[in-house]
Protein backbone atom coordinates (compact mmCIF):
# COMPACT_ATOMS: atom_id res chain seq x y z
CA MET A 1 -35.46 15.43 30.35
CA LYS A 2 -37.08 11.89 30.47
CA TYR A 3 -38.51 12.38 27.01
CA LEU A 4 -35.17 13.58 25.70
CA LEU A 5 -33.35 10.45 27.16
CA THR A 6 -35.91 8.18 25.53
CA VAL A 7 -35.45 9.85 22.16
CA CYS A 8 -31.69 9.44 22.36
CA LEU A 9 -32.01 5.91 23.42
CA SER A 10 -34.27 5.09 20.42
CA PHE A 11 -31.88 6.63 18.02
CA LEU A 12 -28.94 4.58 19.62
CA LEU A 13 -30.95 1.34 19.25
CA LEU A 14 -31.88 2.25 15.65
CA GLY A 15 -28.15 2.54 15.01
CA VAL A 16 -27.23 -0.80 16.65
CA ASN A 17 -30.05 -2.65 14.92
CA ALA A 18 -29.74 -1.00 11.49
CA LYS A 19 -29.30 -3.66 8.82
CA LYS A 20 -25.78 -3.99 7.69
CA PRO A 21 -24.78 -4.48 4.06
CA THR A 22 -24.66 -8.11 2.82
CA HIS A 23 -20.95 -7.79 1.75
CA GLN A 24 -18.03 -5.59 2.36
CA TYR A 25 -16.67 -3.41 -0.40
CA VAL A 26 -13.44 -1.58 -1.16
CA ARG A 27 -12.68 1.20 -3.71
CA VAL A 28 -9.42 1.05 -5.56
CA ASN A 29 -8.33 4.34 -7.10
CA THR A 30 -5.62 4.88 -9.70
CA SER A 31 -4.61 7.48 -12.26
CA TYR A 32 -6.50 5.27 -14.86
CA GLY A 33 -9.82 5.40 -12.96
CA GLN A 34 -11.30 3.49 -10.16
CA CYS A 35 -13.26 0.28 -9.42
CA VAL A 36 -15.19 -1.07 -6.55
CA ILE A 37 -14.64 -4.61 -5.34
CA LYS A 38 -17.19 -6.85 -3.47
CA LEU A 39 -15.34 -9.23 -0.95
CA TYR A 40 -16.83 -12.80 -0.73
CA ASN A 41 -18.21 -13.87 2.55
CA GLU A 42 -17.30 -17.50 1.51
CA THR A 43 -13.59 -16.57 2.19
CA PRO A 44 -13.60 -14.87 5.51
CA LEU A 45 -9.89 -15.23 6.22
CA HIS A 46 -8.86 -13.41 2.97
CA ARG A 47 -11.77 -10.93 3.19
CA ASP A 48 -11.03 -9.92 6.84
CA ASN A 49 -7.22 -9.70 6.05
CA PHE A 50 -7.91 -7.46 3.05
CA ILE A 51 -10.18 -5.13 4.97
CA LYS A 52 -7.56 -5.01 7.79
CA LEU A 53 -4.60 -3.97 5.48
CA ALA A 54 -6.77 -1.39 3.72
CA LYS A 55 -7.94 0.21 6.92
CA LYS A 56 -4.37 0.50 8.02
CA GLY A 57 -3.39 2.14 4.62
CA ILE A 58 -0.97 -0.62 3.65
CA TYR A 59 -2.14 -0.52 0.01
CA ASP A 60 -1.98 3.24 -0.37
CA GLY A 61 0.86 4.13 -2.55
CA THR A 62 1.69 0.72 -3.75
CA LEU A 63 1.99 -0.24 -7.42
CA PHE A 64 0.28 -2.48 -9.93
CA HIS A 65 3.83 -3.89 -10.35
CA ARG A 66 3.13 -6.83 -12.66
CA VAL A 67 0.90 -6.41 -15.67
CA ILE A 68 0.27 -9.14 -18.32
CA LYS A 69 -2.25 -8.42 -20.94
CA ASP A 70 -5.03 -11.08 -21.34
CA PHE A 71 -4.10 -12.43 -18.00
CA MET A 72 -4.06 -10.20 -14.98
CA ILE A 73 -2.84 -7.16 -13.16
CA GLN A 74 -0.97 -7.71 -9.86
CA GLY A 75 -0.23 -5.38 -6.87
CA GLY A 76 -0.03 -5.10 -3.14
CA ASP A 77 3.70 -5.43 -2.70
CA PRO A 78 4.65 -3.17 0.19
CA ASP A 79 8.19 -2.77 -1.40
CA SER A 80 6.73 -1.05 -4.38
CA LYS A 81 6.03 2.18 -2.53
CA ASN A 82 8.64 4.70 -3.82
CA ALA A 83 10.47 1.96 -5.74
CA GLU A 84 13.12 3.18 -8.14
CA PRO A 85 12.21 2.84 -11.90
CA GLY A 86 13.08 -0.55 -13.39
CA LYS A 87 13.50 -2.26 -9.98
CA MET A 88 12.05 -5.71 -10.00
CA LEU A 89 9.26 -6.11 -7.64
CA GLY A 90 6.99 -8.86 -6.16
CA GLU A 91 8.95 -10.35 -3.12
CA GLY A 92 7.44 -7.96 -0.61
CA ASP A 93 5.25 -9.29 2.16
CA VAL A 94 3.72 -8.63 5.56
CA GLY A 95 5.30 -11.50 7.42
CA TYR A 96 2.67 -13.99 7.17
CA THR A 97 0.54 -15.97 4.83
CA VAL A 98 -3.25 -16.72 4.63
CA PRO A 99 -4.55 -20.38 4.37
CA ALA A 100 -6.14 -21.35 1.13
CA GLU A 101 -9.83 -20.87 0.93
CA PHE A 102 -11.07 -22.76 -2.22
CA ASN A 103 -14.70 -22.89 -3.05
CA ASP A 104 -16.00 -24.57 -6.25
CA SER A 105 -18.49 -21.79 -6.75
CA LEU A 106 -15.86 -19.11 -6.80
CA PHE A 107 -13.85 -19.15 -9.97
CA HIS A 108 -11.47 -16.97 -12.03
CA LYS A 109 -13.84 -14.99 -14.28
CA LYS A 110 -12.86 -11.61 -15.56
CA GLY A 111 -12.81 -9.09 -12.74
CA VAL A 112 -12.16 -11.50 -9.99
CA LEU A 113 -9.91 -10.42 -7.05
CA ALA A 114 -7.51 -13.28 -6.01
CA ALA A 115 -4.47 -13.76 -3.80
CA ALA A 116 -1.06 -14.12 -5.22
CA ARG A 117 1.31 -16.69 -3.60
CA ASP A 118 4.64 -18.46 -3.91
CA ASN A 119 5.10 -22.01 -4.79
CA ASN A 120 4.06 -23.82 -1.68
CA PRO A 121 2.45 -27.20 -1.04
CA ASP A 122 -0.55 -25.84 0.92
CA LYS A 123 -1.10 -23.14 -1.64
CA ALA A 124 -1.21 -20.62 1.12
CA SER A 125 -1.78 -17.04 -0.09
CA SER A 126 0.48 -14.11 0.27
CA GLY A 127 -0.55 -11.84 3.22
CA CYS A 128 -1.02 -8.77 1.03
CA GLN A 129 -0.31 -9.28 -2.66
CA PHE A 130 -3.32 -9.84 -4.99
CA TYR A 131 -4.28 -9.67 -8.61
CA LEU A 132 -7.44 -8.66 -10.77
CA VAL A 133 -8.22 -10.99 -13.50
CA GLN A 134 -8.54 -9.79 -17.10
CA GLY A 135 -8.03 -13.13 -18.90
CA LYS A 136 -9.49 -13.96 -22.22
CA VAL A 137 -12.43 -15.63 -23.85
CA PHE A 138 -12.30 -19.51 -24.21
CA THR A 139 -13.84 -21.98 -26.67
CA ASP A 140 -15.24 -25.38 -25.67
CA GLU A 141 -12.28 -27.02 -27.27
CA GLN A 142 -9.84 -25.02 -25.18
CA LEU A 143 -11.80 -25.75 -21.98
CA ASP A 144 -11.83 -29.34 -22.86
CA ALA A 145 -8.07 -29.56 -23.25
CA LEU A 146 -7.73 -27.91 -19.93
CA GLU A 147 -9.84 -30.47 -18.17
CA ILE A 148 -7.85 -33.25 -19.77
CA LYS A 149 -4.57 -31.69 -18.74
CA ARG A 150 -5.76 -31.40 -15.18
CA LEU A 151 -7.29 -34.85 -15.08
CA LYS A 152 -10.02 -34.84 -12.49
CA PHE A 153 -10.76 -31.23 -12.94
CA ARG A 154 -14.21 -30.51 -14.33
CA ILE A 155 -15.58 -26.99 -15.04
CA PRO A 156 -19.35 -26.64 -14.34
CA GLU A 157 -21.50 -25.78 -17.37
CA SER A 158 -22.47 -22.41 -15.73
CA GLN A 159 -18.90 -21.49 -15.40
CA ARG A 160 -18.15 -22.67 -18.87
CA GLU A 161 -20.52 -20.11 -20.17
CA VAL A 162 -18.94 -17.35 -18.31
CA TYR A 163 -15.48 -18.39 -19.61
CA LYS A 164 -16.90 -18.46 -23.26
CA THR A 165 -18.49 -15.04 -23.01
CA ILE A 166 -16.90 -12.83 -20.42
CA GLY A 167 -13.62 -14.67 -20.23
CA GLY A 168 -11.26 -15.30 -17.35
CA THR A 169 -8.32 -17.61 -16.47
CA PRO A 170 -9.79 -21.10 -15.65
CA HIS A 171 -6.39 -22.72 -15.21
CA LEU A 172 -5.97 -20.78 -11.82
CA ASP A 173 -9.14 -22.28 -10.42
CA ARG A 174 -8.42 -24.31 -7.17
CA ASN A 175 -4.82 -23.23 -7.38
CA TYR A 176 -5.19 -19.62 -6.15
CA THR A 177 -7.83 -18.38 -3.77
CA ALA A 178 -10.44 -16.06 -5.40
CA TYR A 179 -12.04 -13.80 -2.74
CA GLY A 180 -13.82 -10.95 -4.50
CA GLU A 181 -14.96 -9.51 -7.68
CA VAL A 182 -15.26 -6.03 -9.42
CA VAL A 183 -18.93 -4.79 -9.35
CA GLN A 184 -18.16 -1.38 -10.68
CA GLY A 185 -15.44 0.04 -12.99
CA LEU A 186 -14.45 -3.18 -14.76
CA GLU A 187 -12.96 -1.18 -17.52
CA LEU A 188 -10.14 -0.20 -15.10
CA ILE A 189 -8.68 -3.72 -15.49
CA ASP A 190 -8.46 -3.31 -19.35
CA ALA A 191 -6.92 0.08 -19.06
CA ILE A 192 -4.02 -0.95 -16.77
CA ALA A 193 -3.64 -4.25 -18.65
CA ALA A 194 -2.92 -2.27 -21.87
CA VAL A 195 -0.01 -0.18 -20.49
CA VAL A 196 3.59 -0.54 -21.81
CA THR A 197 5.74 -2.78 -19.60
CA ASP A 198 9.39 -3.70 -19.25
CA PRO A 199 10.75 -7.33 -19.53
CA ASN A 200 9.80 -8.16 -15.94
CA ASN A 201 6.11 -7.07 -16.75
CA ARG A 202 6.43 -3.87 -14.63
CA PRO A 203 4.68 -0.81 -16.22
CA LEU A 204 7.21 1.77 -17.44
CA THR A 205 4.91 4.46 -15.93
CA ASN A 206 4.04 3.76 -12.40
CA VAL A 207 0.40 2.78 -11.66
CA SER A 208 -0.05 3.55 -7.97
CA MET A 209 -3.33 2.86 -5.98
CA THR A 210 -5.15 3.75 -2.93
CA VAL A 211 -7.62 1.30 -1.46
CA LYS A 212 -10.41 2.40 0.87
CA VAL A 213 -13.25 0.41 2.60
CA LEU A 214 -16.71 1.61 1.86
CA ARG A 215 -18.60 2.68 5.03
CA ASN A 216 -21.88 0.82 5.68
CA ARG A 217 -24.07 3.52 4.43
CA GLU A 218 -22.32 3.64 1.04
CA ALA A 219 -22.11 -0.08 0.82
CA LYS A 220 -25.93 -0.37 1.39
CA LYS A 221 -26.55 2.17 -1.18
CA LEU A 222 -24.43 0.29 -3.69
CA GLU A 223 -26.06 -3.00 -2.91
CA LYS A 224 -29.46 -1.46 -3.81
CA ILE A 225 -28.03 -0.44 -7.24
CA LEU A 226 -26.61 -3.91 -7.69
CA ASN A 227 -29.77 -5.67 -6.75
CA LYS A 228 -31.73 -3.55 -9.25
CA ARG A 229 -29.26 -4.43 -11.94
CA THR A 230 -29.59 -8.01 -11.23
CA ALA A 231 -33.43 -7.85 -11.18
CA SER A 232 -33.61 -6.10 -14.57
C-alpha cells in the first residue's frame, strides 16, 4: 500500500510540474477550413479575455459578418448567431471593453488576430469582436507615404520587410490591439476574404465558426512542430 501511494504521489507531482506550453492556442473551425491561432503573452488582458469567451462557447455559432478583400475578416458579434439574412451586424457586445495593449513589436502583418473597437479616445477594444488580417503587399513608397501621413509614426525596417513580402495593414498599427497570429491554416483567411458580400460587407452565404482552446498536451505538440519549422 505504501508503495502504491508513493507511485500515485509521483504521478501527481509529475502532472503538476509538467512543463506548460509557452503560449495558449485556439482553433477556429469554419465550413471553409480551419486555422490555429497563437495568442500573444505580451497582451495578457486580450489573451485571457479571448480564452475566457472561447471556453464559455460565446463564439460558437457566430459569423464572420464583415469581410473586405485585401483588408480583413471580422467576427465575434454575439448578435450574429441565427441572424436573419441581410441583417446588418457589428453592434453586438458582451457589456464591457478591454483596455488597449499596444506593443511596438506586435504589428498588423497578414494573419494577425486583432481586436475590433468603436471610435473611443482610449482606443479600448471590443470585449468580443475581433478580426484576422489579410491585407496586401506594400512598396517602400507606400510605406513612406504612410509614415508622412502619420507624422511621428516610423515603421521598423524588420516590419517593413514583412509588409513588403507577406503583406498586412500597417495603417492599423498602434490604433487597434494586435494580440495573436495564425500559425497554421493561413489560407483560411484568403478563402473567406474571397466570398461574395452584400453592400454592408456581410457574406451572402453565412460563414459561421466554432472556437476551441487547445489543451496543454496538444499545444505542446504544436509548439514542437513550430519550433522545428523555425529552426529549419
